[in-house]
Amino acid sequence: MKNADFEGMVETSDEWIVQRTGIRQRHVAADDETTASLGEAAARAALGSAGMTPADIDLIILATSTPNNTFPATAVEIQNRLGMHHGFAFDMQAVCSGFVYAVATADLYIRGGLAKRVLVIGSETFSRILDWSDRSTCVLFGDGAGALVLEAEDGAGVITDRGVLAASLRSDGAHKDKLFVDGGPSTTGTVGHLRMEGREVFKHAVGMITDVIEATFGEAGITAQDLDWFVPHQANKRIIDASAKKLGIAEQKVVVTVDLHGNTSAASVPLALSVAVADGRIKKGDLVLLEAMGGGFTWGAVLLRW
């Protein structure tokens, strides 16, 4: 869906959207597509890239804020769609930070010995919770899914190991009313629509992002100069640029796909990862930093070696 497609719906323009967000297009799920079907497609693509089948997976973690049903978890629906009847699966809800939270969680399950291989998915159909008459939000979000596989592997406990090396996760519920959905089973009995105070979110974003990234750098004993790639949450090009500049991350190391996908919430980071892996930028052995911030507020960063 191109920016120009909004011009007959709300008072906006391609120039206005690009200037303020960097978004040029986004994708909207078809009527017969759901968070589960998108997640299944991403899962199969990730398994294919890893040379694995569902039989190799012990755990599925799905990051989403737009589940197919209030319950059961959409992760178990994806598990069933994959023909997987062993192991376990659950959803993780941290809005746009969900995939980063899920990767950190998967790493802990592996380190704790409860799983050897984890399929981590971010899948969203935010088009279903948008108020299409609200120009401050409807132009920002899109639908999509991405996934990766994490596998247990012995390491030396040093920065040259592959896999997750460090992580920092945060939340602060005092900011709930700045980015939320105005419905839910326990409150209104409805799904509701996404509501956002854009200026407030922007005001907090760069500082919060910097906070968790610096904590992650400290844990790993590295600096921004050591990174090969920075894969941030794709919400707004201005936030991405300001964060990278404040952290001293070179522009050529930043993966930007917000122009292609818009803000796909928990699918944002894995979609950006998939683009950069597919075009050959991210290669085996590269040091990659993932980062996201979402409603709640939640925010976090994960450092990994591809």
Protein backbone atom coordinates (compact mmCIF):
# COMPACT_ATOMS: atom_id res chain seq x y z
CA MET A 1 0.00 0.00 0.00
CA LYS A 2 1.71 3.18 -1.23
CA ASN A 3 1.54 6.54 0.55
CA ALA A 4 -0.49 7.95 -2.33
CA ASP A 5 -3.23 5.40 -1.56
CA PHE A 6 -4.04 7.33 1.62
CA GLU A 7 -4.67 10.63 -0.15
CA GLY A 8 -8.35 9.86 -0.74
CA MET A 9 -8.84 8.46 2.79
CA VAL A 10 -7.29 11.02 5.16
CA GLU A 11 -5.71 14.45 4.85
CA THR A 12 -2.12 13.53 4.01
CA SER A 13 0.35 13.18 1.16
CA ASP A 14 3.33 11.11 0.12
CA GLU A 15 5.63 14.06 0.82
CA TRP A 16 4.19 14.58 4.32
CA ILE A 17 4.58 10.90 5.28
CA VAL A 18 8.10 10.50 3.83
CA GLN A 19 9.37 13.71 5.42
CA ARG A 20 8.16 12.80 8.91
CA THR A 21 8.69 9.02 8.95
CA GLY A 22 10.70 7.80 5.95
CA ILE A 23 7.88 5.37 5.10
CA ARG A 24 7.02 4.99 1.40
CA GLN A 25 4.88 1.85 1.48
CA ARG A 26 3.60 -0.88 3.76
CA HIS A 27 1.87 -4.24 3.24
CA VAL A 28 -1.67 -5.09 4.32
CA ALA A 29 -2.74 -8.68 4.92
CA ALA A 30 -5.41 -10.09 2.62
CA ASP A 31 -8.76 -11.11 4.06
CA ASP A 32 -7.69 -14.77 4.17
CA GLU A 33 -4.34 -14.01 5.85
CA THR A 34 -3.82 -13.89 9.61
CA THR A 35 -1.02 -13.52 12.13
CA ALA A 36 -0.84 -17.33 12.22
CA SER A 37 -0.62 -17.79 8.44
CA LEU A 38 2.01 -15.07 8.09
CA GLY A 39 3.93 -16.54 11.02
CA GLU A 40 3.78 -20.01 9.48
CA ALA A 41 5.19 -18.72 6.18
CA ALA A 42 8.05 -16.95 7.98
CA ALA A 43 8.71 -20.04 10.09
CA ARG A 44 8.95 -22.28 7.04
CA ALA A 45 11.32 -19.82 5.35
CA ALA A 46 13.56 -19.70 8.43
CA LEU A 47 13.59 -23.49 8.77
CA GLY A 48 14.50 -23.76 5.09
CA SER A 49 17.37 -21.33 5.53
CA ALA A 50 18.58 -23.29 8.56
CA GLY A 51 18.31 -26.62 6.74
CA MET A 52 15.89 -27.89 9.39
CA THR A 53 12.36 -29.24 9.66
CA PRO A 54 9.74 -28.74 12.41
CA ALA A 55 10.92 -32.05 13.88
CA ASP A 56 14.20 -30.33 14.84
CA ILE A 57 12.49 -27.61 16.91
CA ASP A 58 11.84 -27.90 20.66
CA LEU A 59 10.19 -24.53 21.29
CA ILE A 60 8.31 -21.86 19.35
CA ILE A 61 8.13 -18.33 20.72
CA LEU A 62 5.83 -16.00 18.83
CA ALA A 63 6.13 -12.27 19.44
CA THR A 64 2.83 -10.58 18.57
CA SER A 65 0.30 -8.00 19.73
CA THR A 66 -2.29 -9.11 17.18
CA PRO A 67 -3.02 -12.78 17.99
CA ASN A 68 -5.57 -14.78 16.04
CA ASN A 69 -7.57 -15.33 19.23
CA THR A 70 -7.53 -14.06 22.81
CA PHE A 71 -6.56 -17.64 23.56
CA PRO A 72 -5.08 -20.10 22.86
CA ALA A 73 -1.71 -18.62 22.00
CA THR A 74 -1.26 -18.13 18.27
CA ALA A 75 2.11 -19.90 18.69
CA VAL A 76 0.32 -23.21 19.24
CA GLU A 77 -1.73 -22.63 16.09
CA ILE A 78 1.50 -22.10 14.14
CA GLN A 79 2.93 -25.21 15.82
CA ASN A 80 -0.07 -27.20 14.55
CA ARG A 81 0.12 -25.66 11.07
CA LEU A 82 3.73 -26.82 10.91
CA GLY A 83 2.63 -30.36 11.79
CA MET A 84 4.61 -30.20 15.02
CA HIS A 85 3.08 -32.18 17.90
CA HIS A 86 6.02 -32.24 20.29
CA GLY A 87 7.80 -29.56 22.30
CA PHE A 88 6.01 -26.41 23.45
CA ALA A 89 4.98 -23.01 22.17
CA PHE A 90 3.81 -19.70 23.60
CA ASP A 91 3.19 -16.06 22.67
CA MET A 92 5.19 -13.11 23.96
CA GLN A 93 3.55 -9.70 24.22
CA ALA A 94 5.90 -6.73 24.40
CA VAL A 95 4.46 -4.87 21.39
CA CYS A 96 7.23 -3.57 19.09
CA SER A 97 9.93 -4.89 21.44
CA GLY A 98 8.43 -8.37 21.30
CA PHE A 99 10.95 -9.95 18.96
CA VAL A 100 13.92 -8.62 20.95
CA TYR A 101 12.32 -9.89 24.17
CA ALA A 102 11.64 -13.25 22.47
CA VAL A 103 15.24 -13.70 21.25
CA ALA A 104 16.54 -12.93 24.77
CA THR A 105 14.02 -15.39 26.23
CA ALA A 106 14.89 -18.11 23.73
CA ASP A 107 18.55 -17.70 24.64
CA LEU A 108 17.73 -18.27 28.32
CA TYR A 109 15.72 -21.42 27.55
CA ILE A 110 18.70 -22.75 25.60
CA ARG A 111 21.20 -21.80 28.31
CA GLY A 112 18.92 -23.40 30.92
CA GLY A 113 18.83 -26.68 28.99
CA LEU A 114 15.07 -26.67 28.35
CA ALA A 115 15.44 -26.41 24.58
CA LYS A 116 18.17 -27.11 22.03
CA ARG A 117 16.58 -25.37 19.06
CA VAL A 118 14.10 -22.50 19.27
CA LEU A 119 12.05 -21.02 16.45
CA VAL A 120 11.53 -17.31 17.20
CA ILE A 121 8.83 -15.57 15.17
CA GLY A 122 7.56 -12.00 14.99
CA SER A 123 4.19 -11.79 13.23
CA GLU A 124 1.65 -8.98 13.13
CA THR A 125 -1.55 -7.88 11.40
CA PHE A 126 -1.72 -4.34 12.76
CA SER A 127 -4.06 -3.36 9.92
CA ARG A 128 -6.82 -5.08 11.93
CA ILE A 129 -6.46 -2.71 14.91
CA LEU A 130 -5.93 0.58 13.04
CA ASP A 131 -8.43 3.42 12.94
CA TRP A 132 -8.25 4.15 9.23
CA SER A 133 -9.67 7.64 9.77
CA ASP A 134 -6.80 8.63 12.11
CA ARG A 135 -4.02 9.96 9.90
CA SER A 136 -1.56 10.14 12.81
CA THR A 137 -1.51 6.34 13.09
CA CYS A 138 -2.98 4.62 10.01
CA VAL A 139 -0.13 5.71 7.72
CA LEU A 140 2.55 4.33 10.03
CA PHE A 141 1.82 0.63 10.42
CA GLY A 142 1.88 -2.47 8.23
CA ASP A 143 1.55 -6.24 8.39
CA GLY A 144 4.26 -8.86 8.10
CA ALA A 145 6.24 -11.65 9.73
CA GLY A 146 9.84 -12.76 10.15
CA ALA A 147 11.58 -15.60 11.97
CA LEU A 148 14.91 -17.10 12.91
CA VAL A 149 16.21 -20.28 14.51
CA LEU A 150 18.49 -20.33 17.54
CA GLU A 151 20.46 -23.51 18.24
CA ALA A 152 22.49 -24.59 21.25
CA GLU A 153 26.23 -24.62 20.57
CA ASP A 154 29.21 -24.83 22.90
CA GLY A 155 31.18 -21.62 23.12
CA ALA A 156 34.19 -20.31 24.99
CA GLY A 157 32.27 -17.50 26.69
CA VAL A 158 34.06 -14.85 24.62
CA ILE A 159 32.96 -12.16 22.19
CA THR A 160 33.93 -14.30 19.18
CA ASP A 161 31.28 -16.93 20.06
CA ARG A 162 28.27 -17.21 17.74
CA GLY A 163 24.72 -16.61 18.97
CA VAL A 164 23.35 -14.26 21.61
CA LEU A 165 26.19 -12.51 23.47
CA ALA A 166 24.41 -9.91 25.61
CA ALA A 167 20.98 -8.39 26.17
CA SER A 168 19.27 -5.60 28.08
CA LEU A 169 15.48 -5.39 28.51
CA ARG A 170 13.41 -2.63 30.15
CA SER A 171 9.82 -1.51 30.65
CA ASP A 172 7.98 1.31 32.37
CA GLY A 173 4.20 1.14 32.62
CA ALA A 174 3.96 4.82 33.55
CA HIS A 175 3.97 5.53 29.81
CA LYS A 176 1.04 3.24 28.94
CA ASP A 177 -1.26 6.01 27.72
CA LYS A 178 1.25 7.25 25.16
CA LEU A 179 0.90 4.16 22.94
CA PHE A 180 -1.89 1.66 23.51
CA VAL A 181 -5.00 -0.06 22.13
CA ASP A 182 -8.27 1.25 23.56
CA GLY A 183 -9.91 -2.14 23.98
CA GLY A 184 -9.44 -5.58 25.49
CA PRO A 185 -11.31 -8.58 26.93
CA SER A 186 -11.16 -7.40 30.56
CA THR A 187 -11.97 -3.73 29.94
CA THR A 188 -14.23 -3.15 26.98
CA GLY A 189 -14.85 -6.63 25.65
CA THR A 190 -13.74 -5.38 22.24
CA VAL A 191 -10.54 -5.51 20.19
CA GLY A 192 -10.20 -1.72 20.10
CA HIS A 193 -7.98 0.54 18.00
CA LEU A 194 -4.39 1.68 18.27
CA ARG A 195 -3.91 5.13 19.85
CA MET A 196 -0.64 7.03 20.01
CA GLU A 197 0.78 10.34 21.20
CA GLY A 198 3.43 10.52 18.50
CA ARG A 199 5.41 13.46 19.84
CA GLU A 200 5.62 11.89 23.31
CA VAL A 201 6.82 8.58 21.89
CA PHE A 202 9.45 10.35 19.79
CA LYS A 203 10.57 12.41 22.79
CA HIS A 204 11.33 9.32 24.87
CA ALA A 205 12.52 6.97 22.15
CA VAL A 206 16.11 8.04 21.52
CA GLY A 207 17.06 8.27 25.20
CA MET A 208 15.51 4.89 26.07
CA ILE A 209 17.09 3.17 23.09
CA THR A 210 20.49 4.60 23.96
CA ASP A 211 20.10 3.41 27.56
CA VAL A 212 19.67 -0.30 26.74
CA ILE A 213 22.24 -0.30 23.95
CA GLU A 214 24.92 1.21 26.17
CA ALA A 215 24.05 -1.38 28.84
CA THR A 216 24.42 -4.15 26.26
CA PHE A 217 27.73 -2.75 25.05
CA GLY A 218 28.92 -2.66 28.66
CA GLU A 219 27.91 -6.27 29.30
CA ALA A 220 29.72 -7.45 26.17
CA GLY A 221 32.75 -5.18 26.65
CA ILE A 222 32.48 -3.59 23.20
CA THR A 223 31.87 -0.18 21.63
CA ALA A 224 29.80 0.98 18.66
CA GLN A 225 32.92 0.77 16.49
CA ASP A 226 33.06 -3.02 17.00
CA LEU A 227 29.64 -3.56 15.40
CA ASP A 228 29.23 -4.84 11.89
CA TRP A 229 25.49 -4.11 11.70
CA PHE A 230 22.80 -2.25 13.63
CA VAL A 231 19.28 -3.58 13.02
CA PRO A 232 16.83 -1.28 14.83
CA HIS A 233 13.07 -1.40 15.11
CA GLN A 234 11.71 0.16 11.93
CA ALA A 235 9.23 2.74 13.23
CA ASN A 236 10.54 6.09 12.06
CA LYS A 237 13.62 7.02 10.03
CA ARG A 238 14.24 10.09 12.16
CA ILE A 239 14.37 7.99 15.36
CA ILE A 240 16.72 5.49 13.70
CA ASP A 241 19.04 8.27 12.46
CA ALA A 242 19.07 10.14 15.79
CA SER A 243 19.75 6.96 17.78
CA ALA A 244 22.62 5.86 15.54
CA LYS A 245 24.16 9.33 15.65
CA LYS A 246 23.93 9.56 19.44
CA LEU A 247 25.54 6.11 19.81
CA GLY A 248 28.26 6.79 17.28
CA ILE A 249 27.13 4.01 14.92
CA ALA A 250 28.22 4.74 11.36
CA GLU A 251 25.36 5.32 8.90
CA GLN A 252 26.61 2.59 6.55
CA LYS A 253 26.21 0.01 9.35
CA VAL A 254 22.50 0.75 9.91
CA VAL A 255 19.90 -1.52 8.26
CA VAL A 256 16.86 0.55 7.25
CA THR A 257 13.72 -1.03 5.78
CA VAL A 258 11.06 1.32 7.19
CA ASP A 259 10.57 2.71 3.69
CA LEU A 260 9.54 -0.76 2.47
CA HIS A 261 7.47 -2.12 5.35
CA GLY A 262 6.38 0.73 7.62
CA ASN A 263 6.14 -0.14 11.31
CA THR A 264 5.31 -3.85 11.57
CA SER A 265 5.72 -3.95 15.37
CA ALA A 266 7.19 -7.31 16.50
CA ALA A 267 7.80 -8.30 12.86
CA SER A 268 9.93 -5.23 12.23
CA VAL A 269 13.34 -6.45 13.38
CA PRO A 270 13.18 -9.95 11.80
CA LEU A 271 11.93 -8.44 8.52
CA ALA A 272 14.87 -6.04 8.48
CA LEU A 273 17.21 -8.92 9.34
CA SER A 274 15.82 -11.04 6.50
CA VAL A 275 16.38 -8.24 3.97
CA ALA A 276 19.97 -7.67 5.07
CA VAL A 277 20.77 -11.40 5.10
CA ALA A 278 19.15 -11.96 1.71
CA ASP A 279 21.06 -9.12 0.03
CA GLY A 280 24.38 -10.32 1.46
CA ARG A 281 25.07 -7.54 3.93
CA ILE A 282 24.81 -9.68 7.07
CA LYS A 283 27.12 -12.68 6.84
CA LYS A 284 28.16 -15.52 9.12
CA GLY A 285 30.41 -14.20 11.86
CA ASP A 286 29.10 -10.61 11.76
CA LEU A 287 28.44 -8.81 15.05
CA VAL A 288 24.84 -7.59 14.94
CA LEU A 289 22.90 -5.38 17.35
CA LEU A 290 19.10 -5.65 17.50
CA GLU A 291 17.04 -2.94 19.19
CA ALA A 292 13.38 -2.06 19.65
CA MET A 293 10.97 0.09 21.64
CA GLY A 294 7.23 -0.38 21.92
CA GLY A 295 4.06 0.44 23.80
CA GLY A 296 4.10 0.07 27.53
CA PHE A 297 6.76 1.40 27.20
CA THR A 298 8.96 -1.61 26.59
CA TRP A 299 12.44 -1.41 25.12
CA GLY A 300 15.45 -3.64 24.72
CA ALA A 301 18.60 -4.59 22.84
CA VAL A 302 20.25 -7.90 21.95
CA LEU A 303 23.81 -8.33 20.70
CA LEU A 304 24.47 -11.46 18.66
CA ARG A 305 27.04 -12.92 16.34
CA TRP A 306 25.38 -14.21 13.17
